[in-house]
Amino acid sequence: MTKNPEPAFIESTAGQVAAELARRGIAPDQHVTITIAPNDWLTEVRRHTRLRVIEAGWSDTDIARIIDEEREAVQPLLG
């Protein structure tokens, strides 16, 4: 088995983790790190950051513009 030079991100359910790792050829004794995402992590993140955004004087329009600019900057790197 060859090692990946960079981390791989796998999205799966708890019940399917072992099967997914086996399908990818990851040995049962190979070290892996698993992150447990909250059921609605995006809402949780927004709730915690919303006040900071408002305090900084940013609007939803400002945020959408920045996201669009960054998305355009990253697109050529995705191949």
Protein backbone atom coordinates (compact mmCIF):
# COMPACT_ATOMS: atom_id res chain seq x y z
CA MET A 1 0.00 0.00 0.00
CA THR A 2 1.32 3.44 -0.93
CA LYS A 3 1.00 6.41 1.36
CA ASN A 4 -0.90 9.47 0.24
CA PRO A 5 1.37 12.53 0.29
CA GLU A 6 -1.54 14.68 1.51
CA PRO A 7 -4.44 14.00 3.88
CA ALA A 8 -7.58 12.59 2.31
CA PHE A 9 -11.00 13.69 3.47
CA ILE A 10 -13.76 11.10 3.53
CA GLU A 11 -17.37 11.95 4.32
CA SER A 12 -19.39 9.00 5.59
CA THR A 13 -21.80 7.90 8.28
CA ALA A 14 -20.59 6.39 11.54
CA GLY A 15 -21.98 3.01 10.58
CA GLN A 16 -20.13 2.98 7.26
CA VAL A 17 -16.70 4.25 8.32
CA ALA A 18 -14.98 0.83 8.58
CA ALA A 19 -16.43 -0.33 5.26
CA GLU A 20 -15.37 2.89 3.51
CA LEU A 21 -11.83 2.68 4.88
CA ALA A 22 -11.58 -0.97 3.81
CA ARG A 23 -12.92 -0.10 0.35
CA ARG A 24 -10.11 2.45 0.00
CA GLY A 25 -7.50 -0.11 1.03
CA ILE A 26 -6.73 1.42 4.40
CA ALA A 27 -5.37 -1.27 6.72
CA PRO A 28 -7.24 -1.86 10.00
CA ASP A 29 -4.12 -0.93 12.00
CA GLN A 30 -3.41 2.30 10.05
CA HIS A 31 -3.85 5.48 12.10
CA VAL A 32 -6.81 7.64 11.08
CA THR A 33 -8.33 10.79 12.54
CA ILE A 34 -12.10 11.12 12.59
CA THR A 35 -13.94 14.40 13.10
CA ILE A 36 -17.49 14.25 14.40
CA ALA A 37 -19.55 17.03 12.83
CA PRO A 38 -22.55 18.41 14.70
CA ASN A 39 -25.88 17.66 13.08
CA ASP A 40 -26.12 21.21 11.82
CA TRP A 41 -22.57 22.51 12.06
CA LEU A 42 -23.06 25.34 9.58
CA THR A 43 -25.88 26.89 11.62
CA GLU A 44 -23.75 26.51 14.76
CA VAL A 45 -20.78 28.27 13.11
CA ARG A 46 -22.96 31.08 11.82
CA ARG A 47 -24.55 31.55 15.24
CA HIS A 48 -21.13 31.94 16.88
CA THR A 49 -19.69 34.28 14.26
CA ARG A 50 -22.70 36.44 13.43
CA LEU A 51 -22.11 38.95 16.24
CA ARG A 52 -18.45 39.37 15.25
CA VAL A 53 -19.43 40.03 11.66
CA ILE A 54 -21.99 42.64 12.70
CA GLU A 55 -19.52 44.28 15.13
CA ALA A 56 -16.98 44.51 12.33
CA GLY A 57 -19.56 46.37 10.25
CA TRP A 58 -19.84 43.76 7.52
CA SER A 59 -23.12 43.08 5.76
CA ASP A 60 -24.39 39.90 4.12
CA THR A 61 -23.66 41.57 0.79
CA ASP A 62 -20.02 42.15 1.82
CA ILE A 63 -19.64 38.52 2.83
CA ALA A 64 -21.25 37.22 -0.37
CA ARG A 65 -18.93 39.42 -2.44
CA ILE A 66 -15.83 38.12 -0.65
CA ILE A 67 -16.96 34.52 -1.05
CA ASP A 68 -17.53 35.07 -4.78
CA GLU A 69 -14.11 36.71 -5.17
CA GLU A 70 -12.36 33.85 -3.38
CA ARG A 71 -14.30 31.23 -5.33
CA GLU A 72 -13.18 32.85 -8.58
CA ALA A 73 -9.58 32.95 -7.35
CA VAL A 74 -9.60 29.24 -6.43
CA GLN A 75 -11.36 27.90 -9.55
CA PRO A 76 -8.20 27.81 -11.73
CA LEU A 77 -6.43 25.78 -9.03
CA LEU A 78 -9.10 23.06 -9.06
CA GLY A 79 -8.15 21.98 -12.55
